[in-house]
Amino acid sequence: MGDSVPLGHDWTGAQWDWPLQHNDGVVKMVNHKDLFEVWFDCQFFTPKEIEVKVNGDHLVIHARHEARNDAHGEVAREVNRTYKLPSDVDTKSIKSHLNGRGVLSVTANKK
């Protein structure tokens, strides 16, 4: 099932909830000599709705929220993304953080 990665955040709950208006994918992925970084759009999810795990040599991001009612009806979301980690990533160093704009960053040191 993989090892969970604690999620740090400065999320404030100020986001509004509306169906996705753009691609829900990687904002950016960078594989530096000494650092691996991924940024992922999670602006419609709270920190408690986001799970980051390491499963073998894969980084797994799962974000889900139950149906919510608003003035226009009901909306529910679930996003699963899996990324193969470079072989030189130190999986024990992986950290995740959700910023106030809803961008999830995952970083890892290299071995």
PDB file of N, CA and C in Angstrom:
ATOM      1  N   MET A   1       0.804  -1.199   0.000  1.00  0.00           N
ATOM      2  CA  MET A   1       0.000   0.000   0.000  1.00  0.00           C
ATOM      3  C   MET A   1       0.844   1.260   0.000  1.00  0.00           C
ATOM      4  N   GLY A   2       2.072   1.193   0.441  1.00  0.00           N
ATOM      5  CA  GLY A   2       2.940   2.353   0.410  1.00  0.00           C
ATOM      6  C   GLY A   2       3.034   3.046   1.752  1.00  0.00           C
ATOM      7  N   ASP A   3       4.035   3.909   1.859  1.00  0.00           N
ATOM      8  CA  ASP A   3       4.257   4.675   3.067  1.00  0.00           C
ATOM      9  C   ASP A   3       3.701   6.075   2.887  1.00  0.00           C
ATOM     10  N   SER A   4       2.919   6.545   3.859  1.00  0.00           N
ATOM     11  CA  SER A   4       2.350   7.879   3.782  1.00  0.00           C
ATOM     12  C   SER A   4       3.422   8.931   3.997  1.00  0.00           C
ATOM     13  N   VAL A   5       3.269  10.054   3.311  1.00  0.00           N
ATOM     14  CA  VAL A   5       4.157  11.200   3.450  1.00  0.00           C
ATOM     15  C   VAL A   5       3.353  12.288   4.149  1.00  0.00           C
ATOM     16  N   PRO A   6       3.800  12.786   5.323  1.00  0.00           N
ATOM     17  CA  PRO A   6       3.052  13.842   6.007  1.00  0.00           C
ATOM     18  C   PRO A   6       2.898  15.067   5.103  1.00  0.00           C
ATOM     19  N   LEU A   7       1.735  15.715   5.182  1.00  0.00           N
ATOM     20  CA  LEU A   7       1.431  16.872   4.348  1.00  0.00           C
ATOM     21  C   LEU A   7       1.454  18.132   5.193  1.00  0.00           C
ATOM     22  N   GLY A   8       2.485  18.973   4.994  1.00  0.00           N
ATOM     23  CA  GLY A   8       2.502  20.279   5.623  1.00  0.00           C
ATOM     24  C   GLY A   8       1.664  21.216   4.769  1.00  0.00           C
ATOM     25  N   HIS A   9       1.127  22.292   5.373  1.00  0.00           N
ATOM     26  CA  HIS A   9       0.323  23.200   4.551  1.00  0.00           C
ATOM     27  C   HIS A   9       0.160  24.562   5.204  1.00  0.00           C
ATOM     28  N   ASP A  10      -0.147  25.556   4.364  1.00  0.00           N
ATOM     29  CA  ASP A  10      -0.578  26.857   4.837  1.00  0.00           C
ATOM     30  C   ASP A  10      -1.907  27.209   4.177  1.00  0.00           C
ATOM     31  N   TRP A  11      -2.679  26.185   3.887  1.00  0.00           N
ATOM     32  CA  TRP A  11      -3.997  26.291   3.274  1.00  0.00           C
ATOM     33  C   TRP A  11      -4.931  26.973   4.252  1.00  0.00           C
ATOM     34  N   THR A  12      -5.734  27.925   3.772  1.00  0.00           N
ATOM     35  CA  THR A  12      -6.589  28.697   4.667  1.00  0.00           C
ATOM     36  C   THR A  12      -8.069  28.442   4.477  1.00  0.00           C
ATOM     37  N   GLY A  13      -8.458  27.701   3.466  1.00  0.00           N
ATOM     38  CA  GLY A  13      -9.876  27.469   3.227  1.00  0.00           C
ATOM     39  C   GLY A  13     -10.536  28.603   2.472  1.00  0.00           C
ATOM     40  N   ALA A  14      -9.738  29.474   1.871  1.00  0.00           N
ATOM     41  CA  ALA A  14     -10.296  30.620   1.163  1.00  0.00           C
ATOM     42  C   ALA A  14     -10.694  30.301  -0.274  1.00  0.00           C
ATOM     43  N   GLN A  15     -10.411  29.103  -0.743  1.00  0.00           N
ATOM     44  CA  GLN A  15     -10.732  28.742  -2.121  1.00  0.00           C
ATOM     45  C   GLN A  15     -12.238  28.606  -2.294  1.00  0.00           C
ATOM     46  N   TRP A  16     -12.706  28.878  -3.507  1.00  0.00           N
ATOM     47  CA  TRP A  16     -14.098  28.623  -3.829  1.00  0.00           C
ATOM     48  C   TRP A  16     -14.163  27.371  -4.668  1.00  0.00           C
ATOM     49  N   ASP A  17     -15.294  26.721  -4.683  1.00  0.00           N
ATOM     50  CA  ASP A  17     -15.426  25.413  -5.300  1.00  0.00           C
ATOM     51  C   ASP A  17     -16.222  25.525  -6.595  1.00  0.00           C
ATOM     52  N   TRP A  18     -15.607  25.170  -7.704  1.00  0.00           N
ATOM     53  CA  TRP A  18     -16.246  25.239  -9.013  1.00  0.00           C
ATOM     54  C   TRP A  18     -15.658  24.139  -9.878  1.00  0.00           C
ATOM     55  N   PRO A  19     -16.402  23.589 -10.821  1.00  0.00           N
ATOM     56  CA  PRO A  19     -15.829  22.527 -11.668  1.00  0.00           C
ATOM     57  C   PRO A  19     -14.523  22.966 -12.326  1.00  0.00           C
ATOM     58  N   LEU A  20     -13.648  22.015 -12.548  1.00  0.00           N
ATOM     59  CA  LEU A  20     -12.338  22.315 -13.133  1.00  0.00           C
ATOM     60  C   LEU A  20     -12.483  23.045 -14.459  1.00  0.00           C
ATOM     61  N   GLN A  21     -11.736  24.106 -14.629  1.00  0.00           N
ATOM     62  CA  GLN A  21     -11.785  24.904 -15.851  1.00  0.00           C
ATOM     63  C   GLN A  21     -10.525  24.725 -16.693  1.00  0.00           C
ATOM     64  N   HIS A  22      -9.634  23.848 -16.267  1.00  0.00           N
ATOM     65  CA  HIS A  22      -8.365  23.652 -16.962  1.00  0.00           C
ATOM     66  C   HIS A  22      -7.903  22.229 -16.720  1.00  0.00           C
ATOM     67  N   ASN A  23      -6.796  21.849 -17.272  1.00  0.00           N
ATOM     68  CA  ASN A  23      -6.267  20.497 -17.077  1.00  0.00           C
ATOM     69  C   ASN A  23      -5.858  20.297 -15.632  1.00  0.00           C
ATOM     70  N   ASP A  24      -6.173  19.147 -15.085  1.00  0.00           N
ATOM     71  CA  ASP A  24      -5.837  18.858 -13.686  1.00  0.00           C
ATOM     72  C   ASP A  24      -4.606  17.972 -13.650  1.00  0.00           C
ATOM     73  N   GLY A  25      -3.493  18.525 -14.015  1.00  0.00           N
ATOM     74  CA  GLY A  25      -2.285  17.720 -14.106  1.00  0.00           C
ATOM     75  C   GLY A  25      -1.132  18.362 -13.398  1.00  0.00           C
ATOM     76  N   VAL A  26       0.041  17.950 -13.778  1.00  0.00           N
ATOM     77  CA  VAL A  26       1.257  18.482 -13.192  1.00  0.00           C
ATOM     78  C   VAL A  26       1.400  19.946 -13.555  1.00  0.00           C
ATOM     79  N   VAL A  27       1.669  20.754 -12.567  1.00  0.00           N
ATOM     80  CA  VAL A  27       2.017  22.143 -12.824  1.00  0.00           C
ATOM     81  C   VAL A  27       3.450  22.174 -13.334  1.00  0.00           C
ATOM     82  N   LYS A  28       4.310  21.397 -12.664  1.00  0.00           N
ATOM     83  CA  LYS A  28       5.717  21.358 -13.062  1.00  0.00           C
ATOM     84  C   LYS A  28       6.393  20.156 -12.405  1.00  0.00           C
ATOM     85  N   MET A  29       7.320  19.528 -13.117  1.00  0.00           N
ATOM     86  CA  MET A  29       8.145  18.469 -12.552  1.00  0.00           C
ATOM     87  C   MET A  29       9.590  18.754 -12.946  1.00  0.00           C
ATOM     88  N   VAL A  30      10.488  18.722 -11.954  1.00  0.00           N
ATOM     89  CA  VAL A  30      11.889  19.021 -12.205  1.00  0.00           C
ATOM     90  C   VAL A  30      12.736  17.957 -11.526  1.00  0.00           C
ATOM     91  N   ASN A  31      13.694  17.424 -12.272  1.00  0.00           N
ATOM     92  CA  ASN A  31      14.610  16.424 -11.735  1.00  0.00           C
ATOM     93  C   ASN A  31      16.023  17.005 -11.765  1.00  0.00           C
ATOM     94  N   HIS A  32      16.370  17.735 -10.702  1.00  0.00           N
ATOM     95  CA  HIS A  32      17.694  18.336 -10.584  1.00  0.00           C
ATOM     96  C   HIS A  32      18.722  17.273 -10.196  1.00  0.00           C
ATOM     97  N   LYS A  33      19.986  17.668 -10.223  1.00  0.00           N
ATOM     98  CA  LYS A  33      21.072  16.769  -9.827  1.00  0.00           C
ATOM     99  C   LYS A  33      20.935  16.322  -8.367  1.00  0.00           C
ATOM    100  N   ASP A  34      20.507  17.258  -7.481  1.00  0.00           N
ATOM    101  CA  ASP A  34      20.445  16.945  -6.052  1.00  0.00           C
ATOM    102  C   ASP A  34      19.039  17.016  -5.466  1.00  0.00           C
ATOM    103  N   LEU A  35      18.012  17.270  -6.294  1.00  0.00           N
ATOM    104  CA  LEU A  35      16.646  17.425  -5.790  1.00  0.00           C
ATOM    105  C   LEU A  35      15.626  17.056  -6.860  1.00  0.00           C
ATOM    106  N   PHE A  36      14.565  16.367  -6.457  1.00  0.00           N
ATOM    107  CA  PHE A  36      13.441  16.041  -7.330  1.00  0.00           C
ATOM    108  C   PHE A  36      12.239  16.826  -6.810  1.00  0.00           C
ATOM    109  N   GLU A  37      11.510  17.494  -7.719  1.00  0.00           N
ATOM    110  CA  GLU A  37      10.372  18.313  -7.315  1.00  0.00           C
ATOM    111  C   GLU A  37       9.190  18.089  -8.258  1.00  0.00           C
ATOM    112  N   VAL A  38       7.990  18.050  -7.681  1.00  0.00           N
ATOM    113  CA  VAL A  38       6.746  17.981  -8.443  1.00  0.00           C
ATOM    114  C   VAL A  38       5.789  19.001  -7.836  1.00  0.00           C
ATOM    115  N   TRP A  39       5.119  19.775  -8.686  1.00  0.00           N
ATOM    116  CA  TRP A  39       4.059  20.672  -8.250  1.00  0.00           C
ATOM    117  C   TRP A  39       2.780  20.200  -8.919  1.00  0.00           C
ATOM    118  N   PHE A  40       1.700  20.118  -8.148  1.00  0.00           N
ATOM    119  CA  PHE A  40       0.451  19.542  -8.623  1.00  0.00           C
ATOM    120  C   PHE A  40      -0.712  20.432  -8.183  1.00  0.00           C
ATOM    121  N   ASP A  41      -1.647  20.679  -9.088  1.00  0.00           N
ATOM    122  CA  ASP A  41      -2.795  21.535  -8.803  1.00  0.00           C
ATOM    123  C   ASP A  41      -3.814  20.792  -7.943  1.00  0.00           C
ATOM    124  N   CYS A  42      -3.957  21.220  -6.696  1.00  0.00           N
ATOM    125  CA  CYS A  42      -4.935  20.623  -5.769  1.00  0.00           C
ATOM    126  C   CYS A  42      -5.830  21.702  -5.172  1.00  0.00           C
ATOM    127  N   GLN A  43      -6.092  22.763  -5.936  1.00  0.00           N
ATOM    128  CA  GLN A  43      -6.780  23.916  -5.376  1.00  0.00           C
ATOM    129  C   GLN A  43      -8.199  23.641  -4.903  1.00  0.00           C
ATOM    130  N   PHE A  44      -8.804  22.546  -5.303  1.00  0.00           N
ATOM    131  CA  PHE A  44     -10.176  22.269  -4.893  1.00  0.00           C
ATOM    132  C   PHE A  44     -10.259  21.285  -3.728  1.00  0.00           C
ATOM    133  N   PHE A  45      -9.118  20.984  -3.114  1.00  0.00           N
ATOM    134  CA  PHE A  45      -9.081  20.003  -2.041  1.00  0.00           C
ATOM    135  C   PHE A  45      -8.491  20.602  -0.770  1.00  0.00           C
ATOM    136  N   THR A  46      -8.987  20.149   0.374  1.00  0.00           N
ATOM    137  CA  THR A  46      -8.427  20.566   1.661  1.00  0.00           C
ATOM    138  C   THR A  46      -7.261  19.640   1.999  1.00  0.00           C
ATOM    139  N   PRO A  47      -6.413  20.025   2.948  1.00  0.00           N
ATOM    140  CA  PRO A  47      -5.297  19.152   3.317  1.00  0.00           C
ATOM    141  C   PRO A  47      -5.745  17.754   3.753  1.00  0.00           C
ATOM    142  N   LYS A  48      -6.878  17.653   4.433  1.00  0.00           N
ATOM    143  CA  LYS A  48      -7.357  16.345   4.895  1.00  0.00           C
ATOM    144  C   LYS A  48      -7.843  15.468   3.747  1.00  0.00           C
ATOM    145  N   GLU A  49      -8.091  16.055   2.583  1.00  0.00           N
ATOM    146  CA  GLU A  49      -8.594  15.309   1.429  1.00  0.00           C
ATOM    147  C   GLU A  49      -7.476  14.859   0.489  1.00  0.00           C
ATOM    148  N   ILE A  50      -6.228  15.163   0.838  1.00  0.00           N
ATOM    149  CA  ILE A  50      -5.085  14.844  -0.013  1.00  0.00           C
ATOM    150  C   ILE A  50      -4.209  13.805   0.680  1.00  0.00           C
ATOM    151  N   GLU A  51      -3.845  12.772  -0.058  1.00  0.00           N
ATOM    152  CA  GLU A  51      -2.957  11.737   0.471  1.00  0.00           C
ATOM    153  C   GLU A  51      -1.768  11.598  -0.475  1.00  0.00           C
ATOM    154  N   VAL A  52      -0.569  11.633   0.086  1.00  0.00           N
ATOM    155  CA  VAL A  52       0.660  11.454  -0.678  1.00  0.00           C
ATOM    156  C   VAL A  52       1.357  10.224  -0.121  1.00  0.00           C
ATOM    157  N   LYS A  53       1.683   9.281  -0.995  1.00  0.00           N
ATOM    158  CA  LYS A  53       2.326   8.034  -0.564  1.00  0.00           C
ATOM    159  C   LYS A  53       3.475   7.685  -1.485  1.00  0.00           C
ATOM    160  N   VAL A  54       4.378   6.877  -0.958  1.00  0.00           N
ATOM    161  CA  VAL A  54       5.431   6.268  -1.751  1.00  0.00           C
ATOM    162  C   VAL A  54       5.116   4.782  -1.790  1.00  0.00           C
ATOM    163  N   ASN A  55       4.986   4.247  -2.990  1.00  0.00           N
ATOM    164  CA  ASN A  55       4.709   2.827  -3.170  1.00  0.00           C
ATOM    165  C   ASN A  55       5.812   2.261  -4.047  1.00  0.00           C
ATOM    166  N   GLY A  56       6.824   1.652  -3.411  1.00  0.00           N
ATOM    167  CA  GLY A  56       7.978   1.151  -4.151  1.00  0.00           C
ATOM    168  C   GLY A  56       8.739   2.310  -4.765  1.00  0.00           C
ATOM    169  N   ASP A  57       8.825   2.350  -6.099  1.00  0.00           N
ATOM    170  CA  ASP A  57       9.523   3.444  -6.788  1.00  0.00           C
ATOM    171  C   ASP A  57       8.538   4.418  -7.436  1.00  0.00           C
ATOM    172  N   HIS A  58       7.325   4.496  -6.881  1.00  0.00           N
ATOM    173  CA  HIS A  58       6.308   5.399  -7.406  1.00  0.00           C
ATOM    174  C   HIS A  58       5.814   6.362  -6.327  1.00  0.00           C
ATOM    175  N   LEU A  59       5.573   7.599  -6.732  1.00  0.00           N
ATOM    176  CA  LEU A  59       4.935   8.601  -5.897  1.00  0.00           C
ATOM    177  C   LEU A  59       3.457   8.586  -6.265  1.00  0.00           C
ATOM    178  N   VAL A  60       2.582   8.431  -5.270  1.00  0.00           N
ATOM    179  CA  VAL A  60       1.150   8.331  -5.510  1.00  0.00           C
ATOM    180  C   VAL A  60       0.459   9.507  -4.824  1.00  0.00           C
ATOM    181  N   ILE A  61      -0.312  10.279  -5.595  1.00  0.00           N
ATOM    182  CA  ILE A  61      -1.084  11.397  -5.054  1.00  0.00           C
ATOM    183  C   ILE A  61      -2.557  11.080  -5.281  1.00  0.00           C
ATOM    184  N   HIS A  62      -3.323  11.095  -4.189  1.00  0.00           N
ATOM    185  CA  HIS A  62      -4.751  10.822  -4.258  1.00  0.00           C
ATOM    186  C   HIS A  62      -5.474  11.971  -3.561  1.00  0.00           C
ATOM    187  N   ALA A  63      -6.351  12.646  -4.269  1.00  0.00           N
ATOM    188  CA  ALA A  63      -7.133  13.744  -3.703  1.00  0.00           C
ATOM    189  C   ALA A  63      -8.603  13.466  -3.984  1.00  0.00           C
ATOM    190  N   ARG A  64      -9.422  13.584  -2.938  1.00  0.00           N
ATOM    191  CA  ARG A  64     -10.831  13.238  -3.097  1.00  0.00           C
ATOM    192  C   ARG A  64     -11.684  14.033  -2.129  1.00  0.00           C
ATOM    193  N   HIS A  65     -12.795  14.542  -2.619  1.00  0.00           N
ATOM    194  CA  HIS A  65     -13.798  15.056  -1.694  1.00  0.00           C
ATOM    195  C   HIS A  65     -15.170  14.571  -2.104  1.00  0.00           C
ATOM    196  N   GLU A  66     -15.974  14.329  -1.080  1.00  0.00           N
ATOM    197  CA  GLU A  66     -17.336  13.843  -1.281  1.00  0.00           C
ATOM    198  C   GLU A  66     -18.169  14.926  -1.948  1.00  0.00           C
ATOM    199  N   ALA A  67     -19.355  14.542  -2.365  1.00  0.00           N
ATOM    200  CA  ALA A  67     -20.264  15.492  -2.996  1.00  0.00           C
ATOM    201  C   ALA A  67     -20.558  16.653  -2.050  1.00  0.00           C
ATOM    202  N   ARG A  68     -20.531  17.845  -2.614  1.00  0.00           N
ATOM    203  CA  ARG A  68     -20.842  19.067  -1.870  1.00  0.00           C
ATOM    204  C   ARG A  68     -21.931  19.810  -2.629  1.00  0.00           C
ATOM    205  N   ASN A  69     -22.838  20.411  -1.898  1.00  0.00           N
ATOM    206  CA  ASN A  69     -23.898  21.206  -2.508  1.00  0.00           C
ATOM    207  C   ASN A  69     -23.487  22.666  -2.536  1.00  0.00           C
ATOM    208  N   ASP A  70     -23.892  23.339  -3.615  1.00  0.00           N
ATOM    209  CA  ASP A  70     -23.725  24.780  -3.689  1.00  0.00           C
ATOM    210  C   ASP A  70     -24.967  25.351  -4.376  1.00  0.00           C
ATOM    211  N   ALA A  71     -24.940  26.607  -4.714  1.00  0.00           N
ATOM    212  CA  ALA A  71     -26.099  27.255  -5.319  1.00  0.00           C
ATOM    213  C   ALA A  71     -26.466  26.667  -6.678  1.00  0.00           C
ATOM    214  N   HIS A  72     -25.544  25.951  -7.314  1.00  0.00           N
ATOM    215  CA  HIS A  72     -25.769  25.436  -8.663  1.00  0.00           C
ATOM    216  C   HIS A  72     -26.049  23.934  -8.703  1.00  0.00           C
ATOM    217  N   GLY A  73     -25.950  23.258  -7.567  1.00  0.00           N
ATOM    218  CA  GLY A  73     -26.181  21.822  -7.555  1.00  0.00           C
ATOM    219  C   GLY A  73     -25.177  21.113  -6.674  1.00  0.00           C
ATOM    220  N   GLU A  74     -24.641  20.024  -7.189  1.00  0.00           N
ATOM    221  CA  GLU A  74     -23.739  19.179  -6.411  1.00  0.00           C
ATOM    222  C   GLU A  74     -22.464  18.912  -7.208  1.00  0.00           C
ATOM    223  N   VAL A  75     -21.328  18.872  -6.526  1.00  0.00           N
ATOM    224  CA  VAL A  75     -20.054  18.593  -7.181  1.00  0.00           C
ATOM    225  C   VAL A  75     -19.236  17.660  -6.295  1.00  0.00           C
ATOM    226  N   ALA A  76     -18.570  16.686  -6.919  1.00  0.00           N
ATOM    227  CA  ALA A  76     -17.655  15.778  -6.224  1.00  0.00           C
ATOM    228  C   ALA A  76     -16.426  15.618  -7.112  1.00  0.00           C
ATOM    229  N   ARG A  77     -15.266  15.418  -6.488  1.00  0.00           N
ATOM    230  CA  ARG A  77     -14.032  15.265  -7.259  1.00  0.00           C
ATOM    231  C   ARG A  77     -13.162  14.175  -6.678  1.00  0.00           C
ATOM    232  N   GLU A  78     -12.403  13.526  -7.584  1.00  0.00           N
ATOM    233  CA  GLU A  78     -11.378  12.577  -7.164  1.00  0.00           C
ATOM    234  C   GLU A  78     -10.307  12.551  -8.240  1.00  0.00           C
ATOM    235  N   VAL A  79      -9.052  12.708  -7.813  1.00  0.00           N
ATOM    236  CA  VAL A  79      -7.926  12.703  -8.739  1.00  0.00           C
ATOM    237  C   VAL A  79      -6.880  11.744  -8.197  1.00  0.00           C
ATOM    238  N   ASN A  80      -6.400  10.857  -9.046  1.00  0.00           N
ATOM    239  CA  ASN A  80      -5.309   9.947  -8.708  1.00  0.00           C
ATOM    240  C   ASN A  80      -4.191  10.173  -9.712  1.00  0.00           C
ATOM    241  N   ARG A  81      -2.989  10.421  -9.211  1.00  0.00           N
ATOM    242  CA  ARG A  81      -1.820  10.571 -10.084  1.00  0.00           C
ATOM    243  C   ARG A  81      -0.689   9.723  -9.525  1.00  0.00           C
ATOM    244  N   THR A  82       0.011   9.028 -10.399  1.00  0.00           N
ATOM    245  CA  THR A  82       1.164   8.229 -10.004  1.00  0.00           C
ATOM    246  C   THR A  82       2.346   8.632 -10.870  1.00  0.00           C
ATOM    247  N   TYR A  83       3.491   8.862 -10.235  1.00  0.00           N
ATOM    248  CA  TYR A  83       4.704   9.255 -10.941  1.00  0.00           C
ATOM    249  C   TYR A  83       5.810   8.275 -10.603  1.00  0.00           C
ATOM    250  N   LYS A  84       6.519   7.795 -11.601  1.00  0.00           N
ATOM    251  CA  LYS A  84       7.688   6.944 -11.361  1.00  0.00           C
ATOM    252  C   LYS A  84       8.821   7.841 -10.888  1.00  0.00           C
ATOM    253  N   LEU A  85       9.367   7.490  -9.740  1.00  0.00           N
ATOM    254  CA  LEU A  85      10.460   8.276  -9.174  1.00  0.00           C
ATOM    255  C   LEU A  85      11.779   7.891  -9.835  1.00  0.00           C
ATOM    256  N   PRO A  86      12.648   8.861 -10.068  1.00  0.00           N
ATOM    257  CA  PRO A  86      13.985   8.529 -10.573  1.00  0.00           C
ATOM    258  C   PRO A  86      14.687   7.592  -9.597  1.00  0.00           C
ATOM    259  N   SER A  87      15.546   6.725 -10.101  1.00  0.00           N
ATOM    260  CA  SER A  87      16.190   5.700  -9.267  1.00  0.00           C
ATOM    261  C   SER A  87      17.097   6.291  -8.190  1.00  0.00           C
ATOM    262  N   ASP A  88      17.549   7.542  -8.354  1.00  0.00           N
ATOM    263  CA  ASP A  88      18.449   8.134  -7.361  1.00  0.00           C
ATOM    264  C   ASP A  88      17.736   8.978  -6.306  1.00  0.00           C
ATOM    265  N   VAL A  89      16.395   8.909  -6.242  1.00  0.00           N
ATOM    266  CA  VAL A  89      15.648   9.653  -5.231  1.00  0.00           C
ATOM    267  C   VAL A  89      15.713   8.914  -3.895  1.00  0.00           C
ATOM    268  N   ASP A  90      15.980   9.664  -2.827  1.00  0.00           N
ATOM    269  CA  ASP A  90      15.967   9.123  -1.470  1.00  0.00           C
ATOM    270  C   ASP A  90      14.523   9.195  -0.977  1.00  0.00           C
ATOM    271  N   THR A  91      13.787   8.088  -1.057  1.00  0.00           N
ATOM    272  CA  THR A  91      12.357   8.095  -0.735  1.00  0.00           C
ATOM    273  C   THR A  91      12.083   8.470   0.718  1.00  0.00           C
ATOM    274  N   LYS A  92      13.055   8.277   1.610  1.00  0.00           N
ATOM    275  CA  LYS A  92      12.855   8.645   3.011  1.00  0.00           C
ATOM    276  C   LYS A  92      12.897  10.167   3.208  1.00  0.00           C
ATOM    277  N   SER A  93      13.361  10.907   2.215  1.00  0.00           N
ATOM    278  CA  SER A  93      13.457  12.365   2.333  1.00  0.00           C
ATOM    279  C   SER A  93      12.259  13.091   1.719  1.00  0.00           C
ATOM    280  N   ILE A  94      11.292  12.364   1.202  1.00  0.00           N
ATOM    281  CA  ILE A  94      10.158  12.996   0.510  1.00  0.00           C
ATOM    282  C   ILE A  94       9.315  13.806   1.488  1.00  0.00           C
ATOM    283  N   LYS A  95       9.008  15.035   1.088  1.00  0.00           N
ATOM    284  CA  LYS A  95       8.163  15.943   1.865  1.00  0.00           C
ATOM    285  C   LYS A  95       7.109  16.527   0.939  1.00  0.00           C
ATOM    286  N   SER A  96       5.925  16.806   1.488  1.00  0.00           N
ATOM    287  CA  SER A  96       4.885  17.447   0.689  1.00  0.00           C
ATOM    288  C   SER A  96       4.350  18.659   1.436  1.00  0.00           C
ATOM    289  N   HIS A  97       3.905  19.663   0.662  1.00  0.00           N
ATOM    290  CA  HIS A  97       3.392  20.898   1.240  1.00  0.00           C
ATOM    291  C   HIS A  97       2.325  21.467   0.314  1.00  0.00           C
ATOM    292  N   LEU A  98       1.196  21.876   0.886  1.00  0.00           N
ATOM    293  CA  LEU A  98       0.114  22.513   0.135  1.00  0.00           C
ATOM    294  C   LEU A  98       0.127  23.996   0.449  1.00  0.00           C
ATOM    295  N   ASN A  99       0.339  24.843  -0.580  1.00  0.00           N
ATOM    296  CA  ASN A  99       0.397  26.277  -0.303  1.00  0.00           C
ATOM    297  C   ASN A  99      -1.003  26.888  -0.297  1.00  0.00           C
ATOM    298  N   GLY A 100      -1.085  28.157   0.029  1.00  0.00           N
ATOM    299  CA  GLY A 100      -2.364  28.849   0.154  1.00  0.00           C
ATOM    300  C   GLY A 100      -3.146  28.971  -1.135  1.00  0.00           C
ATOM    301  N   ARG A 101      -2.498  28.781  -2.281  1.00  0.00           N
ATOM    302  CA  ARG A 101      -3.187  28.821  -3.575  1.00  0.00           C
ATOM    303  C   ARG A 101      -3.603  27.432  -4.042  1.00  0.00           C
ATOM    304  N   GLY A 102      -3.348  26.418  -3.215  1.00  0.00           N
ATOM    305  CA  GLY A 102      -3.779  25.070  -3.555  1.00  0.00           C
ATOM    306  C   GLY A 102      -2.810  24.296  -4.419  1.00  0.00           C
ATOM    307  N   VAL A 103      -1.543  24.737  -4.473  1.00  0.00           N
ATOM    308  CA  VAL A 103      -0.539  23.993  -5.231  1.00  0.00           C
ATOM    309  C   VAL A 103       0.205  23.080  -4.273  1.00  0.00           C
ATOM    310  N   LEU A 104       0.158  21.785  -4.555  1.00  0.00           N
ATOM    311  CA  LEU A 104       0.854  20.794  -3.759  1.00  0.00           C
ATOM    312  C   LEU A 104       2.262  20.640  -4.306  1.00  0.00           C
ATOM    313  N   SER A 105       3.263  20.798  -3.450  1.00  0.00           N
ATOM    314  CA  SER A 105       4.637  20.544  -3.881  1.00  0.00           C
ATOM    315  C   SER A 105       5.157  19.318  -3.142  1.00  0.00           C
ATOM    316  N   VAL A 106       5.830  18.468  -3.878  1.00  0.00           N
ATOM    317  CA  VAL A 106       6.464  17.277  -3.315  1.00  0.00           C
ATOM    318  C   VAL A 106       7.934  17.341  -3.693  1.00  0.00           C
ATOM    319  N   THR A 107       8.801  17.258  -2.684  1.00  0.00           N
ATOM    320  CA  THR A 107      10.243  17.347  -2.932  1.00  0.00           C
ATOM    321  C   THR A 107      10.945  16.146  -2.311  1.00  0.00           C
ATOM    322  N   ALA A 108      12.074  15.786  -2.899  1.00  0.00           N
ATOM    323  CA  ALA A 108      12.891  14.685  -2.381  1.00  0.00           C
ATOM    324  C   ALA A 108      14.345  14.961  -2.692  1.00  0.00           C
ATOM    325  N   ASN A 109      15.197  14.616  -1.755  1.00  0.00           N
ATOM    326  CA  ASN A 109      16.645  14.695  -1.975  1.00  0.00           C
ATOM    327  C   ASN A 109      17.087  13.505  -2.818  1.00  0.00           C
ATOM    328  N   LYS A 110      18.253  13.639  -3.413  1.00  0.00           N
ATOM    329  CA  LYS A 110      18.860  12.539  -4.153  1.00  0.00           C
ATOM    330  C   LYS A 110      19.810  11.791  -3.231  1.00  0.00           C
ATOM    331  N   LYS A 111      20.064  10.530  -3.548  1.00  0.00           N
ATOM    332  CA  LYS A 111      20.971   9.690  -2.753  1.00  0.00           C
ATOM    333  C   LYS A 111      22.398  10.142  -2.938  1.00  0.00           C
TER     334      LYS A 111
END
